[in-house]
Amino acid sequence: MPHPTRPRSHTPRLLAVALLLATTACTATTDTTPPANTGAPQVTGPLCAALPTGTDPGNPTFLASQPVDQALRWIPTLTTFEAALRTSGALTDLPTDTGVTILAPSDDAFAAKFSEDNWDDLMARHHDQLRTLLKAHLIAGAHSIEDLVTAGTATTLDGATVTLTRTGPTARLDDRADAVCADYQATNARIHIINAVLGPLPTTADDTDQRAH
């Protein structure tokens, strides 16, 4: 008489599936891998704390996606410089196809350099002279402040040579100006805010000049 066939046990297979599910659950709940670095632009210098950060309009991350002429409009301490670029026609001098570095004097820097009458005259009637002044603040290629310091010198679009030396996290330029908030990025550009006006034009402001550009 044949022996009845014993049903095949599924216990080992069920145990294997249970172990796999348990392992997957543990992996999902214990993963502590940190989020990937977003690569947000980092600006450095003593003035940066007073400028837009985080999600504020004009923050460095937002500006990195903007054309340089638009990025300049969003930086609140560069209203004089940005207006001069537009008024003089110097925006067409920006080599945005190959990259540009802008050493942008702050509003306070312009106020310390030019009297109200002198500046108004430049803006109204002497666009060629103003354009030449602005070229003293433009460098071909988009260079970080670290790159400029490492190189030691840079040639501006007016043909002058600027010497850069390390001062803390930023740089000093020609012993005349300091980078007070460096390394703003824009499309194919770097913007470094400086605290003095470069170029050969004479200083016409005095201690009693109270203009606001």
Protein backbone atom coordinates (compact mmCIF):
# COMPACT_ATOMS: atom_id res chain seq x y z
CA MET A 1 0.00 0.00 0.00
CA PRO A 2 1.54 3.33 -1.05
CA HIS A 3 2.31 5.85 1.63
CA PRO A 4 0.39 9.12 1.44
CA THR A 5 2.43 12.06 0.17
CA ARG A 6 3.25 14.54 2.94
CA PRO A 7 2.51 18.17 2.05
CA ARG A 8 5.72 20.21 1.42
CA SER A 9 6.41 22.69 4.22
CA HIS A 10 6.60 26.43 3.24
CA THR A 11 8.07 27.45 6.58
CA PRO A 12 11.65 28.15 5.37
CA ARG A 13 10.38 30.31 2.48
CA LEU A 14 8.08 32.28 4.78
CA LEU A 15 10.90 32.86 7.23
CA ALA A 16 13.14 34.16 4.46
CA VAL A 17 10.47 36.62 3.29
CA ALA A 18 9.88 37.81 6.85
CA LEU A 19 13.59 38.40 7.40
CA LEU A 20 13.84 40.34 4.13
CA LEU A 21 10.91 42.58 5.10
CA ALA A 22 12.36 43.18 8.55
CA THR A 23 15.75 44.10 7.10
CA THR A 24 14.14 46.52 4.63
CA ALA A 25 12.12 48.17 7.39
CA CYS A 26 15.19 48.63 9.56
CA THR A 27 17.13 50.11 6.68
CA ALA A 28 14.34 52.58 5.92
CA THR A 29 13.94 53.76 9.50
CA THR A 30 17.59 53.98 10.49
CA ASP A 31 19.04 55.73 7.39
CA THR A 32 20.89 58.76 8.72
CA THR A 33 22.62 59.79 5.50
CA PRO A 34 22.87 63.61 5.53
CA PRO A 35 21.21 65.54 2.70
CA ALA A 36 23.39 66.36 -0.28
CA ASN A 37 25.16 69.70 -0.29
CA THR A 38 23.12 72.17 -2.35
CA GLY A 39 26.20 74.15 -3.33
CA ALA A 40 24.60 77.47 -2.39
CA PRO A 41 26.91 80.43 -3.13
CA GLN A 42 28.87 81.68 -0.12
CA VAL A 43 29.68 85.37 0.27
CA THR A 44 32.31 86.65 2.70
CA GLY A 45 33.15 89.96 4.31
CA PRO A 46 31.98 92.31 7.06
CA LEU A 47 29.23 93.93 4.96
CA CYS A 48 27.53 90.65 4.06
CA ALA A 49 25.59 90.49 7.33
CA ALA A 50 23.76 93.69 6.39
CA LEU A 51 22.71 92.36 2.96
CA PRO A 52 19.89 89.96 1.98
CA THR A 53 20.33 86.36 3.12
CA GLY A 54 18.30 83.16 3.37
CA THR A 55 15.10 83.51 1.37
CA ASP A 56 15.10 87.32 1.35
CA PRO A 57 14.79 88.97 -2.08
CA GLY A 58 18.29 89.47 -3.44
CA ASN A 59 19.86 86.60 -1.50
CA PRO A 60 23.05 85.05 -2.98
CA THR A 61 21.35 81.84 -4.13
CA PHE A 62 18.72 83.78 -6.07
CA LEU A 63 21.30 86.10 -7.65
CA ALA A 64 23.36 83.17 -8.92
CA SER A 65 20.65 82.44 -11.50
CA GLN A 66 20.33 86.06 -12.69
CA PRO A 67 22.05 87.92 -15.54
CA VAL A 68 24.65 90.24 -14.06
CA ASP A 69 22.77 93.45 -14.91
CA GLN A 70 19.72 92.15 -13.04
CA ALA A 71 21.78 90.81 -10.13
CA LEU A 72 23.31 94.25 -9.55
CA ARG A 73 19.83 95.75 -9.18
CA TRP A 74 19.05 93.40 -6.31
CA ILE A 75 22.07 94.35 -4.17
CA PRO A 76 20.85 97.33 -2.12
CA THR A 77 24.24 98.93 -1.53
CA LEU A 78 25.13 99.13 -5.25
CA THR A 79 22.44 101.55 -6.45
CA THR A 80 24.96 104.22 -7.50
CA PHE A 81 27.22 101.79 -9.34
CA GLU A 82 24.32 100.09 -11.11
CA ALA A 83 22.82 103.43 -12.18
CA ALA A 84 26.20 104.55 -13.52
CA LEU A 85 26.54 101.39 -15.61
CA ARG A 86 23.13 101.96 -17.18
CA THR A 87 23.46 105.72 -17.67
CA SER A 88 26.92 105.60 -19.23
CA GLY A 89 26.18 102.67 -21.52
CA ALA A 90 28.92 100.65 -19.83
CA LEU A 91 26.67 97.59 -19.60
CA THR A 92 27.71 96.85 -23.17
CA ASP A 93 31.33 96.69 -21.96
CA LEU A 94 30.59 93.68 -19.75
CA PRO A 95 32.12 90.58 -21.40
CA THR A 96 29.29 88.34 -20.24
CA ASP A 97 29.92 85.73 -22.95
CA THR A 98 33.39 84.95 -21.59
CA GLY A 99 32.72 85.98 -17.98
CA VAL A 100 33.29 89.15 -16.00
CA THR A 101 34.47 90.09 -12.52
CA ILE A 102 33.04 93.30 -11.08
CA LEU A 103 34.79 95.22 -8.31
CA ALA A 104 31.71 97.21 -7.36
CA PRO A 105 32.13 100.25 -5.08
CA SER A 106 29.37 100.63 -2.52
CA ASP A 107 27.10 103.67 -2.37
CA ASP A 108 29.14 104.93 0.60
CA ALA A 109 32.33 104.62 -1.46
CA PHE A 110 30.93 106.89 -4.17
CA ALA A 111 29.70 109.36 -1.55
CA ALA A 112 33.21 109.53 -0.09
CA LYS A 113 34.77 110.08 -3.54
CA PHE A 114 32.62 112.59 -5.40
CA SER A 115 30.83 115.78 -4.45
CA GLU A 116 27.17 115.98 -5.38
CA ASP A 117 27.80 118.50 -8.15
CA ASN A 118 30.72 116.53 -9.56
CA TRP A 119 28.79 113.26 -9.62
CA ASP A 120 25.67 114.81 -11.13
CA ASP A 121 27.84 116.36 -13.85
CA LEU A 122 29.44 113.00 -14.66
CA MET A 123 26.05 111.31 -14.83
CA ALA A 124 24.48 114.03 -16.97
CA ARG A 125 27.20 115.15 -19.37
CA HIS A 126 30.42 113.15 -19.21
CA HIS A 127 29.43 109.61 -20.06
CA ASP A 128 32.74 108.75 -21.75
CA GLN A 129 34.66 109.78 -18.63
CA LEU A 130 32.21 107.86 -16.46
CA ARG A 131 32.50 104.81 -18.67
CA THR A 132 36.28 104.86 -18.37
CA LEU A 133 35.96 105.09 -14.60
CA LEU A 134 33.68 102.05 -14.52
CA LYS A 135 36.09 100.02 -16.68
CA ALA A 136 38.62 100.39 -13.86
CA HIS A 137 36.29 98.11 -11.88
CA LEU A 138 35.82 95.37 -14.49
CA ILE A 139 38.04 92.31 -15.08
CA ALA A 140 37.64 89.80 -17.90
CA GLY A 141 36.66 86.35 -16.64
CA ALA A 142 34.56 85.36 -13.63
CA HIS A 143 37.08 85.10 -10.76
CA SER A 144 36.52 84.35 -7.09
CA ILE A 145 38.28 86.56 -4.56
CA GLU A 146 40.50 83.57 -3.74
CA ASP A 147 41.54 83.25 -7.39
CA LEU A 148 42.39 86.95 -7.56
CA VAL A 149 44.45 86.85 -4.37
CA THR A 150 46.29 83.75 -5.57
CA ALA A 151 47.13 85.47 -8.86
CA GLY A 152 48.29 88.56 -6.96
CA THR A 153 47.40 91.01 -9.74
CA ALA A 154 44.60 91.51 -12.23
CA THR A 155 44.22 93.74 -15.28
CA THR A 156 41.04 95.79 -15.49
CA LEU A 157 39.28 96.67 -18.74
CA ASP A 158 40.81 100.15 -18.70
CA GLY A 159 44.27 98.54 -18.88
CA ALA A 160 45.29 99.22 -15.27
CA THR A 161 46.84 96.61 -12.99
CA VAL A 162 45.28 95.99 -9.59
CA THR A 163 47.32 94.31 -6.85
CA LEU A 164 45.39 92.09 -4.45
CA THR A 165 46.57 90.85 -1.06
CA ARG A 166 44.86 88.70 1.54
CA THR A 167 43.17 90.46 4.47
CA GLY A 168 41.24 88.00 6.63
CA PRO A 169 38.52 86.28 4.60
CA THR A 170 38.64 88.82 1.76
CA ALA A 171 41.24 91.03 0.05
CA ARG A 172 42.78 94.48 -0.15
CA LEU A 173 43.12 96.15 -3.54
CA ASP A 174 46.06 98.45 -4.32
CA ASP A 175 46.16 99.54 -0.65
CA ARG A 176 43.16 101.69 -1.58
CA ALA A 177 40.08 99.51 -1.09
CA ASP A 178 38.90 96.42 0.74
CA ALA A 179 36.49 93.77 -0.49
CA VAL A 180 33.71 94.10 2.08
CA CYS A 181 31.39 91.44 0.66
CA ALA A 182 33.00 89.15 -1.87
CA ASP A 183 31.92 86.34 -4.16
CA TYR A 184 28.40 87.15 -5.21
CA GLN A 185 27.69 85.01 -8.25
CA ALA A 186 25.55 85.86 -11.26
CA THR A 187 25.28 84.21 -14.65
CA ASN A 188 28.89 83.98 -15.87
CA ALA A 189 29.99 86.68 -13.42
CA ARG A 190 31.43 87.37 -9.97
CA ILE A 191 30.63 90.52 -8.00
CA HIS A 192 32.88 91.75 -5.18
CA ILE A 193 31.66 94.79 -3.26
CA ILE A 194 34.51 97.15 -2.34
CA ASN A 195 34.62 100.16 -0.03
CA ALA A 196 36.46 102.67 -2.25
CA VAL A 197 36.35 103.88 -5.84
CA LEU A 198 39.29 102.89 -8.06
CA GLY A 199 40.53 104.73 -11.14
CA PRO A 200 42.36 108.03 -11.70
CA LEU A 201 39.58 110.58 -11.14
CA PRO A 202 40.28 113.04 -8.28
CA THR A 203 38.38 113.05 -5.02
CA THR A 204 35.95 115.98 -4.91
CA ALA A 205 33.89 115.13 -1.83
CA ASP A 206 34.62 116.77 1.50
CA ASP A 207 33.50 116.19 5.07
CA THR A 208 30.56 118.59 4.72
CA ASP A 209 29.15 117.00 1.58
CA GLN A 210 25.81 115.47 2.56
CA ARG A 211 24.54 114.18 -0.74
CA ALA A 212 22.74 110.88 -1.17
CA HIS A 213 23.02 109.34 -4.62
